[in-house]
């Protein structure tokens, strides 16, 4: 068997693995945050402007106004 040039430094190897693991976690977190921001901004950039989509359900009457002489429930 041959003689190793350097003694194995397990602490250095472990530190390097930990750095790589932390970098991978941070990259994944940044990617998730970017995806979250993209999804949050997507509805605002849809086909219909936000003012129309927000105002339409609230401003639309639930029933048509009754004509003169008719009862509110629609019977004559």
C-alpha atoms as a PDB file:
ATOM      1  CA  UNK A   1       0.000   0.000   0.000  1.00  0.00           C
ATOM      2  CA  UNK A   2       1.069   3.544  -0.677  1.00  0.00           C
ATOM      3  CA  UNK A   3       1.510   6.300   1.843  1.00  0.00           C
ATOM      4  CA  UNK A   4      -1.071   9.082   1.779  1.00  0.00           C
ATOM      5  CA  UNK A   5       0.275  12.547   1.018  1.00  0.00           C
ATOM      6  CA  UNK A   6      -1.853  14.192   3.676  1.00  0.00           C
ATOM      7  CA  UNK A   7      -3.729  12.993   6.711  1.00  0.00           C
ATOM      8  CA  UNK A   8      -7.487  13.010   6.164  1.00  0.00           C
ATOM      9  CA  UNK A   9      -9.058  16.072   7.782  1.00  0.00           C
ATOM     10  CA  UNK A  10     -12.588  14.967   8.659  1.00  0.00           C
ATOM     11  CA  UNK A  11     -13.534  18.299  10.193  1.00  0.00           C
ATOM     12  CA  UNK A  12     -12.640  20.097   6.976  1.00  0.00           C
ATOM     13  CA  UNK A  13     -14.624  17.596   4.901  1.00  0.00           C
ATOM     14  CA  UNK A  14     -17.606  17.934   7.231  1.00  0.00           C
ATOM     15  CA  UNK A  15     -17.419  21.732   7.101  1.00  0.00           C
ATOM     16  CA  UNK A  16     -17.359  21.604   3.296  1.00  0.00           C
ATOM     17  CA  UNK A  17     -20.405  19.294   3.243  1.00  0.00           C
ATOM     18  CA  UNK A  18     -22.219  21.613   5.657  1.00  0.00           C
ATOM     19  CA  UNK A  19     -21.414  24.654   3.498  1.00  0.00           C
ATOM     20  CA  UNK A  20     -22.708  22.901   0.391  1.00  0.00           C
ATOM     21  CA  UNK A  21     -25.845  21.768   2.217  1.00  0.00           C
ATOM     22  CA  UNK A  22     -26.539  25.294   3.514  1.00  0.00           C
ATOM     23  CA  UNK A  23     -25.977  26.807   0.066  1.00  0.00           C
ATOM     24  CA  UNK A  24     -28.413  24.312  -1.442  1.00  0.00           C
ATOM     25  CA  UNK A  25     -31.041  25.112   1.220  1.00  0.00           C
ATOM     26  CA  UNK A  26     -30.645  28.855   0.639  1.00  0.00           C
ATOM     27  CA  UNK A  27     -30.938  28.441  -3.136  1.00  0.00           C
ATOM     28  CA  UNK A  28     -34.096  26.378  -2.685  1.00  0.00           C
ATOM     29  CA  UNK A  29     -35.547  28.982  -0.320  1.00  0.00           C
ATOM     30  CA  UNK A  30     -34.808  31.807  -2.791  1.00  0.00           C
ATOM     31  CA  UNK A  31     -36.442  29.788  -5.560  1.00  0.00           C
ATOM     32  CA  UNK A  32     -39.551  29.159  -3.439  1.00  0.00           C
ATOM     33  CA  UNK A  33     -39.812  32.851  -2.539  1.00  0.00           C
ATOM     34  CA  UNK A  34     -39.475  33.829  -6.201  1.00  0.00           C
ATOM     35  CA  UNK A  35     -42.207  31.331  -7.128  1.00  0.00           C
ATOM     36  CA  UNK A  36     -44.432  32.690  -4.358  1.00  0.00           C
ATOM     37  CA  UNK A  37     -43.994  36.265  -5.575  1.00  0.00           C
ATOM     38  CA  UNK A  38     -44.696  35.166  -9.150  1.00  0.00           C
ATOM     39  CA  UNK A  39     -47.927  33.470  -8.076  1.00  0.00           C
ATOM     40  CA  UNK A  40     -48.970  36.472  -5.982  1.00  0.00           C
ATOM     41  CA  UNK A  41     -48.421  38.828  -8.918  1.00  0.00           C
ATOM     42  CA  UNK A  42     -50.025  36.564 -11.536  1.00  0.00           C
ATOM     43  CA  UNK A  43     -53.713  37.400 -10.821  1.00  0.00           C
ATOM     44  CA  UNK A  44     -52.975  41.121 -11.092  1.00  0.00           C
ATOM     45  CA  UNK A  45     -51.492  40.616 -14.548  1.00  0.00           C
ATOM     46  CA  UNK A  46     -54.447  38.583 -15.885  1.00  0.00           C
ATOM     47  CA  UNK A  47     -56.597  39.407 -18.915  1.00  0.00           C
ATOM     48  CA  UNK A  48     -59.103  41.565 -16.994  1.00  0.00           C
ATOM     49  CA  UNK A  49     -57.888  44.644 -15.122  1.00  0.00           C
ATOM     50  CA  UNK A  50     -57.945  44.291 -11.352  1.00  0.00           C
ATOM     51  CA  UNK A  51     -60.435  47.169 -10.934  1.00  0.00           C
ATOM     52  CA  UNK A  52     -63.074  45.348 -13.017  1.00  0.00           C
ATOM     53  CA  UNK A  53     -62.631  42.002 -11.318  1.00  0.00           C
ATOM     54  CA  UNK A  54     -62.741  43.530  -7.835  1.00  0.00           C
ATOM     55  CA  UNK A  55     -65.743  45.791  -8.501  1.00  0.00           C
ATOM     56  CA  UNK A  56     -67.909  43.400 -10.522  1.00  0.00           C
ATOM     57  CA  UNK A  57     -69.107  40.989  -7.781  1.00  0.00           C
ATOM     58  CA  UNK A  58     -69.778  43.729  -5.212  1.00  0.00           C
ATOM     59  CA  UNK A  59     -71.518  46.218  -7.480  1.00  0.00           C
ATOM     60  CA  UNK A  60     -73.715  43.733  -9.369  1.00  0.00           C
ATOM     61  CA  UNK A  61     -77.233  43.537  -7.916  1.00  0.00           C
ATOM     62  CA  UNK A  62     -78.341  40.095  -6.783  1.00  0.00           C
ATOM     63  CA  UNK A  63     -81.819  40.492  -8.303  1.00  0.00           C
ATOM     64  CA  UNK A  64     -83.299  42.845 -10.844  1.00  0.00           C
ATOM     65  CA  UNK A  65     -85.197  45.772  -9.340  1.00  0.00           C
ATOM     66  CA  UNK A  66     -88.935  45.251  -9.284  1.00  0.00           C
ATOM     67  CA  UNK A  67     -90.986  47.256 -11.764  1.00  0.00           C
ATOM     68  CA  UNK A  68     -93.729  49.506 -10.501  1.00  0.00           C
ATOM     69  CA  UNK A  69     -96.782  47.588  -9.409  1.00  0.00           C
ATOM     70  CA  UNK A  70     -94.954  44.274  -8.933  1.00  0.00           C
ATOM     71  CA  UNK A  71     -94.253  42.638  -5.604  1.00  0.00           C
ATOM     72  CA  UNK A  72     -90.566  42.180  -4.715  1.00  0.00           C
ATOM     73  CA  UNK A  73     -90.792  38.363  -4.879  1.00  0.00           C
ATOM     74  CA  UNK A  74     -91.843  38.453  -8.550  1.00  0.00           C
ATOM     75  CA  UNK A  75     -95.517  37.525  -8.181  1.00  0.00           C
ATOM     76  CA  UNK A  76     -98.222  39.790  -9.670  1.00  0.00           C
END
